[in-house]
Protein backbone atom coordinates (compact mmCIF):
# COMPACT_ATOMS: atom_id res chain seq x y z
CA MET A 1 -72.09 -54.11 17.99
CA ALA A 2 -70.16 -51.77 15.73
CA SER A 3 -68.16 -53.25 12.94
CA THR A 4 -64.48 -52.59 13.20
CA GLY A 5 -63.80 -52.87 9.48
CA TYR A 6 -60.40 -53.05 7.82
CA GLN A 7 -57.96 -50.20 8.56
CA PRO A 8 -54.79 -50.25 6.37
CA ALA A 9 -51.48 -49.51 7.97
CA PRO A 10 -50.21 -45.93 7.47
CA ARG A 11 -47.76 -45.56 4.62
CA PRO A 12 -44.29 -44.35 5.56
CA ILE A 13 -43.39 -40.84 4.48
CA GLN A 14 -40.92 -40.97 1.64
CA PRO A 15 -38.14 -38.33 1.70
CA LEU A 16 -38.10 -35.91 -1.18
CA PRO A 17 -35.43 -36.40 -3.79
CA ALA A 18 -32.30 -34.42 -3.16
CA SER A 19 -32.71 -32.65 -6.49
CA THR A 20 -35.99 -31.06 -5.33
CA ILE A 21 -34.61 -29.54 -2.09
CA SER A 22 -31.09 -28.55 -3.12
CA THR A 23 -30.50 -25.17 -4.65
CA ASP A 24 -28.93 -24.65 -8.02
CA PRO A 25 -25.17 -24.22 -7.48
CA THR A 26 -24.92 -22.04 -10.55
CA ALA A 27 -27.62 -19.70 -9.26
CA ALA A 28 -26.01 -19.57 -5.81
CA ALA A 29 -22.65 -18.73 -7.32
CA ARG A 30 -24.26 -16.05 -9.47
CA ILE A 31 -25.92 -14.48 -6.42
CA LYS A 32 -22.62 -14.45 -4.53
CA ARG A 33 -20.87 -12.87 -7.50
CA VAL A 34 -23.53 -10.16 -7.81
CA ALA A 35 -23.40 -9.45 -4.06
CA ALA A 36 -19.61 -9.22 -4.14
CA THR A 37 -19.74 -6.88 -7.13
CA LEU A 38 -22.26 -4.62 -5.43
CA GLY A 39 -20.15 -4.57 -2.28
CA LEU A 40 -17.04 -3.61 -4.24
CA LEU A 41 -18.93 -0.89 -6.11
CA ILE A 42 -20.19 0.58 -2.84
CA ALA A 43 -16.70 0.46 -1.32
CA ALA A 44 -15.21 2.07 -4.44
CA PHE A 45 -17.82 4.84 -4.35
CA VAL A 46 -17.21 5.57 -0.67
CA SER A 47 -13.44 5.59 -1.23
CA SER A 48 -13.68 7.94 -4.20
CA VAL A 49 -15.85 10.56 -2.47
CA PRO A 50 -12.91 12.26 -0.64
CA PHE A 51 -10.92 12.48 -3.88
CA TYR A 52 -13.88 13.95 -5.74
CA TYR A 53 -14.53 16.45 -2.94
CA MET A 54 -10.87 17.47 -2.99
CA LEU A 55 -11.06 18.08 -6.76
CA ASN A 56 -14.36 19.92 -6.28
CA LEU A 57 -12.81 22.32 -3.78
CA ALA A 58 -9.78 22.83 -6.02
CA LEU A 59 -12.06 24.10 -8.80
CA GLN A 60 -13.97 26.57 -6.60
CA GLU A 61 -13.44 30.30 -6.53
CA LYS A 62 -11.35 31.50 -3.63
CA GLY A 63 -13.48 32.85 -0.81
CA GLY A 64 -16.67 31.62 -2.37
CA TYR A 65 -17.01 28.33 -0.54
CA GLY A 66 -15.76 26.90 2.74
CA LEU A 67 -14.61 23.42 3.65
CA PHE A 68 -17.13 23.06 6.47
CA ASP A 69 -20.12 24.75 4.82
CA TRP A 70 -23.39 22.84 4.99
CA PRO A 71 -24.87 21.50 2.85
CA PRO A 72 -21.71 20.66 0.90
CA ARG A 73 -21.58 21.82 -2.69
CA MET A 74 -20.77 18.66 -4.64
CA VAL A 75 -20.81 20.26 -8.11
CA PRO A 76 -18.42 23.17 -8.79
CA GLU A 77 -19.84 26.35 -10.25
CA TRP A 78 -19.17 27.28 -13.87
CA PRO A 79 -16.72 28.45 -15.08
CA LEU A 80 -14.21 26.12 -13.49
CA GLN A 81 -11.31 27.89 -11.81
CA LEU A 82 -8.52 25.99 -13.57
CA HIS A 83 -6.04 28.74 -12.80
CA ASN A 84 -6.08 27.60 -9.17
CA PHE A 85 -3.58 24.85 -9.98
CA PRO A 86 -0.77 27.02 -11.41
CA ASP A 87 -1.51 29.71 -8.81
CA ALA A 88 -1.10 27.22 -5.96
CA LEU A 89 2.08 25.71 -7.36
CA SER A 90 3.61 29.14 -7.88
CA GLN A 91 3.30 30.09 -4.21
CA SER A 92 6.22 27.79 -3.33
CA PRO A 93 8.97 26.07 -5.37
CA PHE A 94 6.91 22.94 -5.89
CA GLY A 95 9.04 21.88 -8.82
CA ARG A 96 11.98 21.53 -6.42
CA TYR A 97 9.76 19.80 -3.87
CA PHE A 98 8.56 17.24 -6.43
CA LEU A 99 12.14 16.51 -7.47
CA ASN A 100 13.23 16.06 -3.85
CA SER A 101 10.34 13.70 -3.08
CA THR A 102 11.03 11.69 -6.22
CA ILE A 103 14.74 11.25 -5.43
CA ILE A 104 14.05 10.23 -1.83
CA ALA A 105 11.29 7.82 -2.87
CA VAL A 106 13.39 6.17 -5.59
CA LEU A 107 16.37 5.71 -3.25
CA SER A 108 14.07 4.26 -0.59
CA VAL A 109 12.49 1.85 -3.07
CA VAL A 110 15.82 0.60 -4.43
CA GLY A 111 17.28 0.15 -0.95
CA THR A 112 14.25 -1.68 0.42
CA VAL A 113 13.90 -3.99 -2.57
CA LEU A 114 17.58 -5.03 -2.55
CA SER A 115 18.07 -5.43 1.19
CA SER A 116 14.70 -7.01 1.93
CA SER A 117 14.99 -9.50 -0.92
CA VAL A 118 18.39 -10.65 0.34
CA ALA A 119 17.12 -11.00 3.90
CA GLY A 120 13.96 -12.78 2.73
CA TYR A 121 16.02 -15.22 0.68
CA VAL A 122 18.23 -15.99 3.68
CA PHE A 123 15.25 -16.61 5.97
CA ALA A 124 13.50 -18.75 3.35
CA ARG A 125 16.33 -20.88 1.93
CA MET A 126 19.35 -20.72 4.21
CA ARG A 127 19.67 -22.94 7.27
CA PHE A 128 21.66 -21.74 10.25
CA PRO A 129 21.28 -21.85 14.04
CA GLY A 130 18.77 -19.37 15.40
CA ARG A 131 17.18 -18.59 12.05
CA ASP A 132 13.59 -18.96 13.23
CA VAL A 133 14.29 -17.07 16.45
CA LEU A 134 15.76 -14.15 14.51
CA PHE A 135 12.77 -14.17 12.18
CA ILE A 136 10.34 -14.01 15.12
CA VAL A 137 12.34 -11.18 16.70
CA MET A 138 12.25 -9.31 13.40
CA LEU A 139 8.47 -9.74 13.16
CA ALA A 140 8.14 -8.49 16.73
CA THR A 141 9.56 -5.14 15.63
CA LEU A 142 6.34 -4.59 13.67
CA MET A 143 4.56 -4.12 16.99
CA VAL A 144 6.92 -1.32 18.09
CA PRO A 145 5.41 2.11 17.28
CA PRO A 146 7.75 4.31 15.21
CA GLN A 147 7.31 7.11 17.75
CA VAL A 148 9.15 5.02 20.36
CA THR A 149 12.39 5.05 18.36
CA LEU A 150 11.98 8.60 17.05
CA ILE A 151 14.17 10.37 19.63
CA PRO A 152 17.01 7.78 19.60
CA GLN A 153 17.09 7.90 15.81
CA PHE A 154 17.18 11.68 15.81
CA ILE A 155 20.10 11.72 18.26
CA LEU A 156 21.95 9.12 16.18
CA PHE A 157 21.46 10.87 12.86
CA LYS A 158 22.35 14.27 14.30
CA SER A 159 25.57 12.86 15.78
CA LEU A 160 26.43 11.54 12.32
CA GLY A 161 26.00 15.02 10.85
CA TRP A 162 22.93 14.05 8.84
CA TYR A 163 20.64 16.77 10.18
CA ASP A 164 19.11 18.89 7.40
CA SER A 165 19.94 16.27 4.78
CA TRP A 166 18.10 13.48 2.98
CA TYR A 167 20.14 10.67 4.55
CA PRO A 168 17.78 10.00 7.50
CA LEU A 169 14.89 9.64 5.03
CA TRP A 170 16.35 6.98 2.74
CA VAL A 171 19.43 5.36 4.33
CA PRO A 172 17.38 3.33 6.89
CA HIS A 173 15.56 1.68 3.99
CA TRP A 174 18.83 0.10 2.86
CA THR A 175 18.81 -2.05 5.99
CA GLY A 176 15.44 -3.58 5.06
CA THR A 177 12.03 -3.31 6.64
CA ALA A 178 10.33 -6.07 8.61
CA PHE A 179 7.16 -6.14 6.51
CA ALA A 180 9.05 -6.22 3.21
CA ILE A 181 11.33 -9.01 4.48
CA PHE A 182 8.26 -10.96 5.55
CA LEU A 183 6.67 -10.62 2.10
CA MET A 184 9.85 -11.68 0.34
CA ARG A 185 10.39 -14.63 2.63
CA GLN A 186 6.81 -15.85 2.17
CA TYR A 187 7.13 -15.66 -1.60
CA PHE A 188 10.51 -17.39 -1.76
CA LYS A 189 9.11 -20.27 0.29
CA THR A 190 6.49 -20.90 -2.41
CA LEU A 191 9.14 -21.60 -5.06
CA PRO A 192 9.93 -25.32 -5.52
CA SER A 193 13.13 -26.71 -4.07
CA GLU A 194 13.85 -28.47 -7.36
CA LEU A 195 14.97 -25.14 -8.82
CA VAL A 196 17.68 -24.83 -6.18
CA ASP A 197 18.74 -28.47 -6.60
CA ALA A 198 19.02 -28.15 -10.37
CA ALA A 199 21.03 -24.94 -10.05
CA LYS A 200 23.42 -26.56 -7.57
CA ILE A 201 23.97 -29.46 -9.94
CA ASP A 202 24.91 -26.95 -12.64
CA GLY A 203 27.47 -25.43 -10.29
CA ALA A 204 25.62 -22.29 -9.20
CA ASN A 205 26.51 -20.79 -5.84
CA PRO A 206 23.88 -19.28 -3.47
CA LEU A 207 24.43 -15.77 -4.83
CA MET A 208 23.88 -16.90 -8.41
CA ILE A 209 20.77 -18.83 -7.38
CA PHE A 210 19.38 -15.76 -5.69
CA TRP A 211 20.14 -13.28 -8.45
CA LYS A 212 19.51 -15.36 -11.60
CA ILE A 213 16.68 -17.64 -10.47
CA PHE A 214 14.79 -16.22 -7.52
CA MET A 215 14.86 -12.52 -8.38
CA PRO A 216 13.46 -12.90 -11.93
CA LEU A 217 10.64 -15.05 -10.54
CA ALA A 218 9.87 -12.55 -7.78
CA LYS A 219 8.68 -9.68 -10.00
CA PRO A 220 5.13 -9.60 -8.52
CA VAL A 221 6.27 -9.34 -4.90
CA LEU A 222 9.07 -6.94 -5.85
CA ALA A 223 6.49 -4.67 -7.46
CA THR A 224 4.32 -4.95 -4.34
CA VAL A 225 7.17 -3.93 -2.06
CA ALA A 226 8.18 -1.11 -4.41
CA ILE A 227 4.65 0.33 -4.50
CA LEU A 228 4.21 0.21 -0.73
CA VAL A 229 7.59 1.82 -0.07
CA PHE A 230 7.06 4.51 -2.71
CA LEU A 231 3.66 5.47 -1.29
CA GLY A 232 5.03 5.54 2.25
CA SER A 233 8.01 7.67 1.28
CA TRP A 234 6.02 10.04 -0.94
CA ASN A 235 3.36 10.66 1.74
CA ASP A 236 5.80 10.94 4.64
CA LEU A 237 5.46 14.24 6.50
CA LEU A 238 6.84 13.52 9.97
CA GLY A 239 10.34 12.59 8.81
CA PRO A 240 10.94 15.63 6.58
CA VAL A 241 9.54 17.98 9.22
CA ILE A 242 11.93 16.60 11.85
CA TYR A 243 15.13 16.24 9.83
CA LEU A 244 14.89 18.94 7.15
CA GLN A 245 15.39 22.63 7.81
CA SER A 246 16.43 24.39 4.60
CA ASN A 247 13.83 25.19 1.96
CA ASP A 248 15.84 23.56 -0.83
CA ASN A 249 15.57 20.14 0.89
CA TYR A 250 11.83 20.19 1.56
CA THR A 251 9.50 17.58 0.08
CA VAL A 252 6.00 17.86 -1.39
CA GLN A 253 4.26 17.10 1.89
CA VAL A 254 6.14 19.88 3.67
CA GLY A 255 5.22 22.25 0.86
CA LEU A 256 1.54 21.38 1.29
CA ALA A 257 1.80 22.16 5.00
CA PHE A 258 2.77 25.75 4.14
CA PHE A 259 -0.81 26.48 3.05
CA ARG A 260 -1.99 26.04 6.62
CA GLY A 261 -1.12 28.94 8.89
CA GLN A 262 -1.65 29.37 12.61
CA TYR A 263 -5.01 31.10 12.26
CA THR A 264 -5.95 30.78 8.58
CA MET A 265 -5.85 28.14 5.87
CA ASP A 266 -6.00 28.67 2.13
CA ILE A 267 -8.21 25.67 1.47
CA VAL A 268 -8.53 26.20 -2.30
CA SER A 269 -4.77 26.41 -2.86
CA LEU A 270 -4.20 23.47 -0.52
CA MET A 271 -6.68 21.28 -2.41
CA SER A 272 -5.28 22.39 -5.78
CA ALA A 273 -1.73 21.48 -4.82
CA SER A 274 -2.94 18.24 -3.21
CA VAL A 275 -4.62 17.17 -6.46
CA VAL A 276 -1.32 17.58 -8.29
CA ALA A 277 0.58 15.83 -5.47
CA VAL A 278 -1.54 12.65 -5.66
CA ILE A 279 -1.09 12.22 -9.41
CA PRO A 280 2.32 10.41 -9.31
CA PRO A 281 1.22 7.75 -6.76
CA ILE A 282 -2.02 7.13 -8.64
CA VAL A 283 -0.23 6.76 -11.98
CA ILE A 284 2.35 4.38 -10.53
CA PHE A 285 -0.32 2.28 -8.85
CA MET A 286 -2.41 2.06 -12.01
CA LEU A 287 0.59 0.95 -14.06
CA THR A 288 1.62 -1.75 -11.57
CA GLN A 289 -1.78 -2.77 -10.20
CA ARG A 290 -1.67 -6.21 -11.82
CA TYR A 291 1.68 -7.05 -10.23
CA PHE A 292 0.59 -5.59 -6.90
CA VAL A 293 -2.50 -7.80 -6.61
CA ARG A 294 -0.63 -10.87 -7.76
CA GLY A 295 2.18 -10.25 -5.29
CA ILE A 296 -0.23 -9.93 -2.36
CA VAL A 297 -1.97 -13.18 -3.34
CA LEU A 298 1.17 -15.23 -3.89
CA THR A 299 2.79 -14.25 -0.58
CA GLY A 300 -0.05 -15.95 1.30
CA LEU A 301 0.05 -19.33 -0.43
CA LYS A 302 2.54 -20.95 1.92
CA GLY A 303 3.46 -20.20 5.51
């Protein structure tokens, strides 16, 4: 008869300490930061390729290289054709075009900032019947394509005698834009109500509260609205083509369109003038980038 012997009971499996299975939070954060940096570098490189290619074509010799040649020549030949820039700008009165675009853009920026800030303050701080309904209706206009209202606007402006003038390009901005009003309203809602209460105790009326308290605090979102409106006005081609007829009223974008004919296109001159045309928006964005980013962030803090 076989001896059974003593068989000890199996020992329970002890779970590993949490410190041995959890990852280092510092290392995980470092990996995420490196991945985000690499992603931003890749996105920046991809975004900068068209600008570099435009500058590359602007420095080529006329007739020596085509836009659709393959493989693309990414390095311009020496010597660089720097005379392409003055030659391109001398083909049309680009000095006048730059002045026209600047005046229209500045008027559009001032009108949008003033009108949209007032409307945003009213939607954020004033209480009246139908306020939320009006705000929703205003936001709904963002879903209406501009092409839908193009013909009615043209008929209206022509009946007012504004055809072949700058008025259709900047006057509508003085009534505010839905997106700018939305940004201003979102920012004004983030400001504490104690500021308004303290100002009312000191005897300030709503206009004084808006102008002396809210507007100085709204510099980031004001800069954001100003940049977006300036870029939109400076790059606008459809409006000037429709409403402007005389050469003295043309803008930069219309001047660039002159380089493209019905059957031919002077690609070198077009790229040379385009390089000069993008300098003002780039400079303005670089000078106000800090306010732009801060304004976009702050407008999303409170709904």
